[in-house]
Protein backbone atom coordinates (compact mmCIF):
# COMPACT_ATOMS: atom_id res chain seq x y z
CA MET A 1 97.36 -12.66 249.23
CA THR A 2 93.72 -13.67 249.03
CA VAL A 3 94.49 -16.58 246.70
CA ALA A 4 97.18 -17.81 249.08
CA ASP A 5 94.80 -17.46 252.02
CA ASP A 6 92.09 -19.41 250.19
CA LEU A 7 94.56 -22.12 249.22
CA GLU A 8 95.74 -22.37 252.79
CA THR A 9 92.14 -22.68 253.97
CA ILE A 10 91.43 -25.46 251.46
CA THR A 11 94.56 -27.47 252.22
CA CYS A 12 94.38 -27.01 255.96
CA CYS A 13 91.95 -29.77 256.94
CA THR A 14 91.49 -31.15 260.39
CA ARG A 15 92.18 -34.76 261.20
CA THR A 16 88.46 -35.43 261.52
CA GLU A 17 87.80 -34.12 258.02
CA ILE A 18 90.60 -36.22 256.57
CA PHE A 19 89.32 -39.28 258.44
CA LEU A 20 85.76 -38.72 257.20
CA LEU A 21 86.97 -38.17 253.65
CA THR A 22 88.98 -41.40 253.82
CA ILE A 23 85.94 -43.29 255.09
CA LEU A 24 83.82 -41.88 252.26
CA ILE A 25 86.38 -42.92 249.66
CA VAL A 26 86.66 -46.43 251.12
CA LEU A 27 82.88 -46.78 251.27
CA TYR A 28 82.59 -45.64 247.67
CA PHE A 29 85.00 -48.32 246.48
CA VAL A 30 83.36 -51.00 248.64
CA VAL A 31 79.92 -50.19 247.24
CA TYR A 32 81.31 -49.99 243.71
CA TYR A 33 83.08 -53.36 244.02
CA CYS A 34 80.10 -55.11 245.65
CA SER A 35 77.59 -53.76 243.15
CA LYS A 36 79.83 -54.79 240.26
CA LYS A 37 80.28 -58.27 241.72
CA HIS A 38 76.53 -58.58 242.39
CA SER A 39 75.64 -57.45 238.88
CA ALA A 40 78.08 -60.00 237.45
CA LYS A 41 76.31 -62.74 239.43
CA ILE A 42 72.92 -61.58 238.17
CA ILE A 43 74.14 -61.51 234.58
CA SER A 44 75.60 -65.01 234.85
CA ARG A 45 72.33 -66.32 236.32
CA LEU A 46 70.34 -64.68 233.52
CA ASP A 47 72.66 -66.17 230.92
CA LYS A 48 72.24 -69.63 232.43
CA ALA A 49 68.46 -69.23 232.53
CA ASP A 50 68.47 -68.11 228.90
CA ARG A 51 70.53 -71.15 227.88
CA ASP A 52 68.18 -73.42 229.84
CA LEU A 53 65.16 -71.87 228.13
CA GLU A 54 66.73 -72.28 224.70
CA SER A 55 67.60 -75.93 225.34
CA GLY A 56 64.11 -76.57 226.72
CA ARG A 57 62.57 -74.89 223.70
CA SER A 58 64.64 -77.00 221.32
CA LEU A 59 63.72 -80.17 223.23
CA LEU A 60 60.02 -79.31 223.04
CA THR A 61 60.28 -78.44 219.36
CA ASP A 62 62.02 -81.74 218.60
CA PHE A 63 59.44 -83.65 220.64
CA ILE A 64 56.53 -81.95 218.87
CA ASP A 65 58.07 -82.50 215.44
CA LYS A 66 58.62 -86.20 216.14
CA HIS A 67 55.05 -86.66 217.32
CA ARG A 68 53.59 -84.74 214.42
CA SER A 69 55.22 -87.09 211.96
CA ALA A 70 54.24 -90.09 214.09
CA ASN A 71 50.68 -88.80 214.54
CA SER A 72 50.11 -88.42 210.84
CA VAL A 73 50.37 -92.20 210.51
CA SER A 74 48.64 -93.01 213.78
CA SER A 75 45.78 -90.61 213.07
CA THR A 76 44.83 -92.59 209.96
CA VAL A 77 45.03 -95.80 211.98
CA PHE A 78 43.00 -94.17 214.73
CA GLN A 79 40.37 -93.03 212.22
CA TRP A 80 40.13 -96.56 210.83
CA LEU A 81 39.81 -98.05 214.34
CA LYS A 82 37.19 -95.47 215.25
CA GLN A 83 35.18 -96.33 212.15
CA GLN A 84 35.42 -100.05 212.85
CA PHE A 85 34.81 -100.28 216.58
CA LEU A 86 33.16 -97.10 217.80
CA PRO A 87 29.77 -97.78 216.16
CA GLN A 88 29.71 -101.16 217.88
CA LEU A 89 30.52 -99.67 221.28
CA HIS A 90 28.35 -96.56 220.99
CA PRO A 91 25.68 -96.92 218.32
CA GLU A 92 24.29 -93.45 219.02
CA LEU A 93 27.54 -91.84 217.77
């Protein structure tokens, strides 16, 4: 009899309790859905930022590599020009 009485006590909920339990369940799923959607937005933004950083890094690397090869030639020309004209412009150097 005590098990039956306990079971009857558990299953016999008032309308207010059922209403509050329903609200809690709905709120749980709303929070779960919104947090999942928000985290998906954050992940997509981070992925886009990572791709932008990688493309920017590759652009900078290409730019630096091009100018290194160009500067190796221009630095010798610059050294020659400096030797030719700088003593005339600034004799103290």
